[in-house]
Amino acid sequence: MLHLIASDQRITLTLHCLWLSPGDSRRESGNLHLERIFPVRRNVHEIPPLRLSIQNVGQEGEAVLGPETPWWRRVITSTEWRRWRVWAIQNDSLFVIAIYLQDSEFDPEGDTLVRLILESLEFADPLADPAPVFARRVVELARQQFPGVDCHLDENQQLRIGEATININHLYRVYAGAPDQFREIVQPALRTMLDVQNWDDDRLAPALDSIRDRIMPMLCQESVFERQFQDFVSQSWVGGLVILYVVDEPEAYWYIRSELFESWKTEPEELHAIALQNLDRYFTENEMEMVVSGREEGPQLLLPNRPDSYNAARLLSDSFHETLVRTLGQEVIVGVPNRDFFVAVSQSAGDMIPQIRQRVVDDFARMDHPLSQRLLLVSSDGVSEYCDEI
């Protein structure tokens, strides 16, 4: 739902997006179901449709907002009637209800502005399925591909194929950016899951030299580590985060177990150094564009242009610290709400920090692979937790 309110509070525009099932009556009729939106209404009539290339219908009238008022109370008391317009916009299975409210005094400029907003709407082609529909399609495809293997969604909505598990949310995020490539995105991940279960001992317990150039660092929530990863090589970091180590495969990565690490007869410091060296090389070979924003005095905010599984891990790199300091100043505040993203802001931009803090909290709550709601401080002393928080 998107809710827009004018600065003078006199008009509001709300967009509700629904995904219609095949049998939903609104697919054919465009029924606005006004009785659900405005139980008490009057002077209702149709209005011209929006100038859009897709099907839409509209109605306008007046309504009493809030709980339905008994008829006898409307007779003996003064009732405030609000002007409204409602449009139903349908694009295949996507159904958008736009509700425009004014106060009792009609504002023609507001009416024009709302029409301009709605008539500027554009829809992706093709539309991406909502997450639950996508998950069901993945399960169906997995069962078609591997008829002799148990494929189902577990209680956490993770896909299980035999003994392996895949994060549906991660796949969905990739699919949402290219909904016409469902099979191209999902099939390689499914094949990798099945292949891992058939690895021989050389793949399951490789020698260090055979995978040295594919070892990468990965950040993890401390609480998630304690619950799921205690049998894997790790070291504590800052901000309630833990460093784990993974082996990067073409279609996935796997965590290095403590048992495997012990067989290599090496030190944790060496493993960490190998991982950081590979991390720096990874971003040299896969150069990533950064979004930089600022004011007249210079850049004040920096963030990656696209998600990447190793974006948050870049904060472990001394060379990346130098980039941050060179771009944003001697002290840089960084948020890492999830594995694939970070946001960095100059400490001199004090007015931006509360906004960044709230954005990090919001993204932590909604993003896949969440890491931390806390802010970090990058300075000449390294990385520490930013302590000037409310």
Protein backbone atom coordinates (compact mmCIF):
# COMPACT_ATOMS: atom_id res chain seq x y z
CA MET A 1 0.00 0.00 0.00
CA LEU A 2 1.19 3.54 -0.85
CA HIS A 3 -0.31 6.49 1.04
CA LEU A 4 0.30 10.09 -0.13
CA ILE A 5 -0.86 13.10 1.92
CA ALA A 6 -0.81 16.74 0.79
CA SER A 7 1.20 19.15 2.96
CA ASP A 8 -2.00 20.91 4.09
CA GLN A 9 -3.60 17.52 4.99
CA ARG A 10 -6.63 18.33 2.83
CA ILE A 11 -6.23 15.60 0.21
CA THR A 12 -4.91 12.05 0.30
CA LEU A 13 -4.23 9.41 -2.33
CA THR A 14 -3.93 5.73 -1.41
CA LEU A 15 -2.94 2.91 -3.75
CA HIS A 16 -3.80 -0.68 -2.77
CA CYS A 17 -2.28 -3.45 -4.91
CA LEU A 18 -3.95 -6.88 -5.03
CA TRP A 19 -3.03 -10.05 -6.89
CA LEU A 20 -6.17 -11.62 -8.34
CA SER A 21 -6.62 -15.37 -8.26
CA PRO A 22 -8.00 -17.01 -11.44
CA GLY A 23 -11.57 -17.16 -10.04
CA ASP A 24 -11.75 -13.63 -8.62
CA SER A 25 -14.87 -11.80 -9.89
CA ARG A 26 -12.91 -8.55 -10.23
CA ARG A 27 -11.02 -10.04 -13.19
CA GLU A 28 -14.12 -9.65 -15.35
CA SER A 29 -16.20 -6.92 -13.74
CA GLY A 30 -13.68 -4.46 -12.29
CA ASN A 31 -15.98 -4.34 -9.25
CA LEU A 32 -14.87 -1.56 -6.91
CA HIS A 33 -16.60 -3.10 -3.86
CA LEU A 34 -17.51 0.38 -2.59
CA GLU A 35 -19.47 -1.12 0.29
CA ARG A 36 -16.16 -2.24 1.80
CA ILE A 37 -14.43 1.10 1.26
CA PHE A 38 -17.24 3.54 2.10
CA PRO A 39 -20.15 1.85 3.94
CA VAL A 40 -21.94 5.23 4.23
CA ARG A 41 -21.97 7.02 0.88
CA ARG A 42 -24.18 9.17 -1.33
CA ASN A 43 -24.28 10.89 -4.74
CA VAL A 44 -22.33 8.03 -6.32
CA HIS A 45 -21.84 8.03 -10.10
CA GLU A 46 -19.34 6.91 -12.70
CA ILE A 47 -16.52 9.16 -13.92
CA PRO A 48 -14.41 9.01 -17.10
CA PRO A 49 -11.61 6.43 -16.98
CA LEU A 50 -7.99 7.42 -16.59
CA ARG A 51 -5.99 7.91 -19.77
CA LEU A 52 -4.11 4.65 -19.45
CA SER A 53 -3.52 1.92 -22.01
CA ILE A 54 -4.91 -0.70 -19.63
CA GLN A 55 -8.42 -1.36 -18.35
CA ASN A 56 -9.69 0.97 -15.61
CA VAL A 57 -13.01 2.24 -14.26
CA GLY A 58 -13.83 4.99 -11.79
CA GLN A 59 -16.58 6.35 -9.57
CA GLU A 60 -16.97 9.38 -7.33
CA GLY A 61 -19.27 10.47 -4.53
CA GLU A 62 -19.33 11.51 -0.91
CA ALA A 63 -18.84 9.40 2.21
CA VAL A 64 -18.77 9.51 5.99
CA LEU A 65 -15.44 8.13 7.16
CA GLY A 66 -14.88 5.87 10.13
CA PRO A 67 -17.24 3.24 11.58
CA GLU A 68 -20.66 3.12 9.96
CA THR A 69 -23.01 5.63 11.62
CA PRO A 70 -26.56 4.47 12.54
CA TRP A 71 -29.25 6.19 10.43
CA TRP A 72 -30.93 7.74 13.47
CA ARG A 73 -27.66 9.40 14.58
CA ARG A 74 -27.18 10.92 11.12
CA VAL A 75 -30.65 12.46 11.44
CA ILE A 76 -30.03 14.21 14.79
CA THR A 77 -26.36 15.15 14.42
CA SER A 78 -24.25 17.06 11.91
CA THR A 79 -22.31 14.64 9.70
CA GLU A 80 -19.10 15.48 7.83
CA TRP A 81 -19.22 14.20 4.28
CA ARG A 82 -15.93 13.83 2.39
CA ARG A 83 -15.57 13.90 -1.38
CA TRP A 84 -13.92 10.85 -2.89
CA ARG A 85 -12.96 9.27 -6.17
CA VAL A 86 -12.03 5.63 -6.61
CA TRP A 87 -10.47 3.95 -9.63
CA ALA A 88 -9.90 0.25 -10.30
CA ILE A 89 -6.91 -0.35 -12.58
CA GLN A 90 -6.31 -3.87 -13.84
CA ASN A 91 -3.22 -5.20 -15.59
CA ASP A 92 -3.56 -8.96 -16.04
CA SER A 93 -3.55 -10.39 -12.47
CA LEU A 94 -2.53 -7.12 -10.82
CA PHE A 95 -5.47 -5.10 -9.48
CA VAL A 96 -4.81 -1.56 -8.20
CA ILE A 97 -7.41 0.35 -6.19
CA ALA A 98 -6.71 4.11 -6.11
CA ILE A 99 -8.65 6.03 -3.44
CA TYR A 100 -8.60 9.83 -3.60
CA LEU A 101 -10.08 11.79 -0.67
CA GLN A 102 -10.73 15.53 -0.35
CA ASP A 103 -12.21 17.53 2.48
CA SER A 104 -15.64 19.15 2.10
CA GLU A 105 -14.23 22.00 -0.03
CA PHE A 106 -13.49 20.90 -3.61
CA ASP A 107 -9.93 21.57 -4.82
CA PRO A 108 -9.67 21.42 -8.65
CA GLU A 109 -5.86 21.66 -8.58
CA GLY A 110 -5.66 18.64 -6.30
CA ASP A 111 -7.97 16.76 -8.63
CA THR A 112 -5.71 17.54 -11.61
CA LEU A 113 -2.57 16.54 -9.70
CA VAL A 114 -4.02 13.17 -8.68
CA ARG A 115 -5.00 12.40 -12.27
CA LEU A 116 -1.48 13.27 -13.44
CA ILE A 117 0.00 10.91 -10.84
CA LEU A 118 -2.31 8.03 -11.73
CA GLU A 119 -1.97 8.51 -15.48
CA SER A 120 1.81 8.33 -15.12
CA LEU A 121 1.65 4.78 -13.70
CA GLU A 122 3.67 2.21 -15.62
CA PHE A 123 3.54 -1.56 -15.19
CA ALA A 124 6.32 -4.05 -15.73
CA ASP A 125 5.92 -6.37 -18.69
CA PRO A 126 5.78 -9.18 -17.85
CA LEU A 127 4.57 -8.87 -14.27
CA ALA A 128 6.49 -10.71 -11.57
CA ASP A 129 4.45 -13.20 -9.54
CA PRO A 130 4.05 -12.36 -5.83
CA ALA A 131 6.37 -14.31 -3.54
CA PRO A 132 3.89 -17.08 -2.50
CA VAL A 133 2.99 -17.79 -6.14
CA PHE A 134 6.69 -17.80 -7.08
CA ALA A 135 7.47 -20.27 -4.26
CA ARG A 136 4.77 -22.66 -5.48
CA ARG A 137 6.15 -22.46 -9.04
CA VAL A 138 9.65 -23.28 -7.77
CA VAL A 139 8.38 -26.35 -5.90
CA GLU A 140 6.46 -27.50 -8.99
CA LEU A 141 9.54 -27.07 -11.17
CA ALA A 142 11.73 -28.93 -8.65
CA ARG A 143 9.30 -31.86 -8.59
CA GLN A 144 9.28 -31.95 -12.39
CA GLN A 145 13.07 -31.87 -12.57
CA PHE A 146 13.69 -34.41 -9.80
CA PRO A 147 10.66 -36.74 -9.62
CA GLY A 148 12.43 -39.23 -7.34
CA VAL A 149 13.51 -36.64 -4.75
CA ASP A 150 11.44 -35.14 -1.92
CA CYS A 151 10.83 -31.44 -2.73
CA HIS A 152 8.79 -29.21 -0.42
CA LEU A 153 8.67 -25.91 1.45
CA ASP A 154 9.56 -26.23 5.13
CA GLU A 155 8.02 -24.31 8.04
CA ASN A 156 10.32 -21.34 7.32
CA GLN A 157 9.29 -21.24 3.65
CA GLN A 158 12.68 -22.55 2.58
CA LEU A 159 12.82 -25.04 -0.29
CA ARG A 160 14.15 -28.47 0.67
CA ILE A 161 15.39 -30.84 -2.03
CA GLY A 162 16.46 -34.05 -0.39
CA GLU A 163 18.88 -32.99 2.37
CA ALA A 164 19.71 -29.55 0.88
CA THR A 165 17.95 -26.24 1.55
CA ILE A 166 17.72 -23.11 -0.58
CA ASN A 167 16.56 -19.62 0.39
CA ILE A 168 13.47 -18.84 -1.68
CA ASN A 169 13.68 -15.14 -0.79
CA HIS A 170 17.10 -14.80 -2.41
CA LEU A 171 15.89 -16.45 -5.61
CA TYR A 172 12.76 -14.31 -5.61
CA ARG A 173 14.72 -11.08 -5.43
CA VAL A 174 16.70 -12.10 -8.54
CA TYR A 175 13.53 -13.24 -10.33
CA ALA A 176 11.64 -10.01 -9.53
CA GLY A 177 14.22 -8.10 -11.57
CA ALA A 178 13.74 -10.38 -14.59
CA PRO A 179 10.36 -12.17 -14.34
CA ASP A 180 10.60 -13.41 -17.94
CA GLN A 181 13.62 -15.54 -16.99
CA PHE A 182 12.03 -17.77 -14.36
CA ARG A 183 13.55 -21.04 -15.58
CA GLU A 184 16.94 -19.49 -16.37
CA ILE A 185 17.17 -18.21 -12.78
CA VAL A 186 15.69 -21.15 -10.88
CA GLN A 187 16.98 -24.20 -12.74
CA PRO A 188 20.73 -23.60 -12.11
CA ALA A 189 20.06 -23.18 -8.38
CA LEU A 190 18.05 -26.41 -8.28
CA ARG A 191 20.75 -28.32 -10.15
CA THR A 192 23.42 -27.02 -7.77
CA MET A 193 21.40 -28.19 -4.75
CA LEU A 194 21.13 -31.69 -6.15
CA ASP A 195 24.77 -31.76 -7.29
CA VAL A 196 26.05 -30.88 -3.81
CA GLN A 197 24.34 -33.96 -2.39
CA ASN A 198 26.22 -36.12 -4.91
CA TRP A 199 29.69 -34.68 -4.29
CA ASP A 200 32.46 -37.18 -3.60
CA ASP A 201 34.92 -36.88 -0.71
CA ASP A 202 37.31 -34.69 -2.72
CA ARG A 203 34.58 -32.09 -3.16
CA LEU A 204 33.23 -32.41 0.38
CA ALA A 205 36.67 -32.28 2.04
CA PRO A 206 39.01 -30.55 -0.43
CA ALA A 207 42.64 -29.68 0.23
CA LEU A 208 43.26 -26.01 1.06
CA ASP A 209 45.35 -25.42 -2.08
CA SER A 210 42.56 -26.67 -4.34
CA ILE A 211 40.11 -23.99 -3.15
CA ARG A 212 42.48 -21.29 -1.85
CA ASP A 213 41.51 -18.75 -4.53
CA ARG A 214 37.76 -19.21 -3.87
CA ILE A 215 37.66 -18.66 -0.09
CA MET A 216 35.69 -15.52 0.79
CA PRO A 217 34.58 -13.84 4.04
CA MET A 218 30.89 -13.58 4.91
CA LEU A 219 29.25 -11.57 7.71
CA CYS A 220 26.54 -13.14 9.86
CA GLN A 221 24.33 -12.05 12.76
CA GLU A 222 25.70 -13.29 16.07
CA SER A 223 22.27 -14.68 17.03
CA VAL A 224 22.00 -16.57 13.72
CA PHE A 225 25.56 -17.90 14.14
CA GLU A 226 24.75 -19.25 17.60
CA ARG A 227 21.65 -20.94 16.28
CA GLN A 228 22.92 -22.36 12.98
CA PHE A 229 26.69 -22.06 12.46
CA GLN A 230 28.56 -23.07 15.60
CA ASP A 231 30.21 -25.96 13.74
CA PHE A 232 31.78 -23.61 11.20
CA VAL A 233 35.00 -21.57 11.23
CA SER A 234 34.33 -18.10 12.61
CA GLN A 235 35.60 -15.11 14.52
CA SER A 236 33.73 -12.36 16.36
CA TRP A 237 33.62 -8.89 14.83
CA VAL A 238 31.81 -5.64 15.81
CA GLY A 239 28.18 -4.58 15.99
CA GLY A 240 26.86 -8.00 16.95
CA LEU A 241 28.35 -9.58 13.82
CA VAL A 242 30.47 -12.68 13.22
CA ILE A 243 32.84 -13.43 10.33
CA LEU A 244 32.33 -16.79 8.61
CA TYR A 245 34.25 -18.17 5.63
CA VAL A 246 32.74 -19.63 2.48
CA VAL A 247 33.94 -21.34 -0.68
CA ASP A 248 32.53 -19.58 -3.73
CA GLU A 249 31.03 -21.95 -6.32
CA PRO A 250 29.64 -20.96 -9.76
CA GLU A 251 26.00 -21.04 -8.61
CA ALA A 252 26.28 -20.93 -4.80
CA TYR A 253 28.69 -20.93 -1.86
CA TRP A 254 29.25 -23.25 1.08
CA TYR A 255 30.55 -22.55 4.60
CA ILE A 256 33.86 -23.96 5.80
CA ARG A 257 33.33 -26.42 8.63
CA SER A 258 35.63 -26.42 11.67
CA GLU A 259 36.42 -30.07 11.05
CA LEU A 260 37.62 -29.33 7.52
CA PHE A 261 39.65 -26.31 8.67
CA GLU A 262 41.43 -28.40 11.32
CA SER A 263 42.47 -30.91 8.66
CA TRP A 264 44.35 -28.15 6.82
CA LYS A 265 46.75 -27.63 9.75
CA THR A 266 46.74 -23.86 9.30
CA GLU A 267 46.06 -20.83 11.50
CA PRO A 268 42.86 -18.71 11.61
CA GLU A 269 44.93 -15.62 10.74
CA GLU A 270 46.10 -17.22 7.50
CA LEU A 271 42.56 -18.21 6.51
CA HIS A 272 41.38 -14.65 7.19
CA ALA A 273 44.21 -13.16 5.12
CA ILE A 274 43.41 -15.50 2.22
CA ALA A 275 39.73 -14.53 2.34
CA LEU A 276 40.47 -10.78 2.36
CA GLN A 277 42.92 -11.09 -0.51
CA ASN A 278 40.28 -12.93 -2.55
CA LEU A 279 37.65 -10.34 -1.56
CA ASP A 280 39.77 -7.48 -2.90
CA ARG A 281 40.49 -9.40 -6.11
CA TYR A 282 36.78 -10.19 -6.53
CA PHE A 283 35.83 -6.52 -6.56
CA THR A 284 38.77 -5.65 -8.81
CA GLU A 285 37.59 -8.22 -11.36
CA ASN A 286 33.89 -7.41 -10.81
CA GLU A 287 34.14 -3.65 -10.54
CA MET A 288 30.97 -2.23 -9.02
CA GLU A 289 29.51 1.17 -9.72
CA MET A 290 28.78 3.23 -6.61
CA VAL A 291 26.03 5.79 -6.12
CA VAL A 292 27.49 8.96 -4.57
CA SER A 293 25.42 11.87 -3.28
CA GLY A 294 26.54 15.11 -1.72
CA ARG A 295 26.40 18.85 -1.35
CA GLU A 296 28.54 21.73 -2.54
CA GLU A 297 31.26 20.91 -0.02
CA GLY A 298 31.64 17.40 -1.39
CA PRO A 299 30.27 13.79 -1.32
CA GLN A 300 28.40 12.81 1.82
CA LEU A 301 26.71 9.48 1.04
CA LEU A 302 27.82 6.36 -0.81
CA LEU A 303 26.11 3.05 -1.53
CA PRO A 304 26.48 0.20 -4.05
CA ASN A 305 24.54 0.45 -7.28
CA ARG A 306 23.41 -3.20 -7.18
CA PRO A 307 23.17 -6.00 -4.62
CA ASP A 308 26.00 -8.51 -4.24
CA SER A 309 26.49 -11.37 -1.80
CA TYR A 310 29.83 -9.89 -0.68
CA ASN A 311 28.86 -6.20 -0.42
CA ALA A 312 28.64 -6.08 3.38
CA ALA A 313 31.85 -8.12 3.68
CA ARG A 314 33.72 -5.27 1.96
CA LEU A 315 33.81 -3.55 5.36
CA LEU A 316 36.45 -6.10 6.38
CA SER A 317 38.85 -4.79 3.73
CA ASP A 318 41.49 -2.18 4.62
CA SER A 319 41.66 -1.06 1.00
CA PHE A 320 37.91 -0.42 1.01
CA HIS A 321 38.26 1.58 4.24
CA GLU A 322 40.73 3.79 2.37
CA THR A 323 38.17 4.28 -0.40
CA LEU A 324 35.49 5.30 2.09
CA VAL A 325 37.75 7.73 3.94
CA ARG A 326 39.10 9.21 0.71
CA THR A 327 35.55 9.77 -0.56
CA LEU A 328 33.60 10.77 2.57
CA GLY A 329 36.15 12.02 5.10
CA GLN A 330 38.17 10.75 8.05
CA GLU A 331 35.19 9.26 9.91
CA VAL A 332 32.45 7.41 8.05
CA ILE A 333 29.25 5.98 9.51
CA VAL A 334 28.09 2.77 7.83
CA GLY A 335 24.90 0.71 8.01
CA VAL A 336 24.79 -2.94 6.95
CA PRO A 337 21.11 -3.95 7.14
CA ASN A 338 21.74 -7.09 5.13
CA ARG A 339 24.39 -9.19 3.40
CA ASP A 340 23.93 -7.64 -0.04
CA PHE A 341 23.87 -3.95 0.83
CA PHE A 342 25.49 -1.17 2.83
CA VAL A 343 25.09 2.59 3.12
CA ALA A 344 27.96 4.90 4.11
CA VAL A 345 27.59 8.54 5.20
CA SER A 346 30.12 11.16 6.24
CA GLN A 347 30.02 11.93 9.95
CA SER A 348 30.02 15.61 8.99
CA ALA A 349 26.51 15.12 7.54
CA GLY A 350 24.97 15.06 11.00
CA ASP A 351 21.44 15.88 9.81
CA MET A 352 21.41 12.76 7.60
CA ILE A 353 22.40 10.28 10.31
CA PRO A 354 18.94 9.91 11.95
CA GLN A 355 17.44 9.24 8.51
CA ILE A 356 20.12 6.68 7.71
CA ARG A 357 19.62 5.01 11.09
CA GLN A 358 15.86 4.65 10.48
CA ARG A 359 16.41 3.38 6.95
CA VAL A 360 18.81 0.73 8.23
CA VAL A 361 16.27 -0.38 10.86
CA ASP A 362 13.52 -0.57 8.22
CA ASP A 363 15.68 -2.47 5.71
CA PHE A 364 16.89 -4.88 8.39
CA ALA A 365 13.26 -5.80 9.10
CA ARG A 366 12.30 -6.44 5.47
CA MET A 367 15.43 -7.59 3.62
CA ASP A 368 16.66 -11.10 3.01
CA HIS A 369 19.84 -12.15 4.90
CA PRO A 370 19.51 -9.42 7.58
CA LEU A 371 22.70 -8.45 9.42
CA SER A 372 22.45 -5.53 11.84
CA GLN A 373 20.28 -2.61 12.90
CA ARG A 374 23.32 -0.91 14.45
CA LEU A 375 25.52 1.66 12.79
CA LEU A 376 29.29 1.19 12.46
CA LEU A 377 32.12 3.73 12.39
CA VAL A 378 35.02 3.45 9.93
CA SER A 379 38.05 5.54 10.89
CA SER A 380 41.85 5.40 10.96
CA ASP A 381 41.49 2.99 13.89
CA GLY A 382 39.50 0.49 11.83
CA VAL A 383 35.84 -0.41 12.33
CA SER A 384 33.96 0.00 15.61
CA GLU A 385 30.36 0.35 16.65
CA TYR A 386 28.97 3.89 16.28
CA CYS A 387 28.02 4.81 19.84
CA ASP A 388 26.27 8.16 19.39
CA GLU A 389 22.90 6.47 18.89
CA ILE A 390 19.62 7.43 20.55
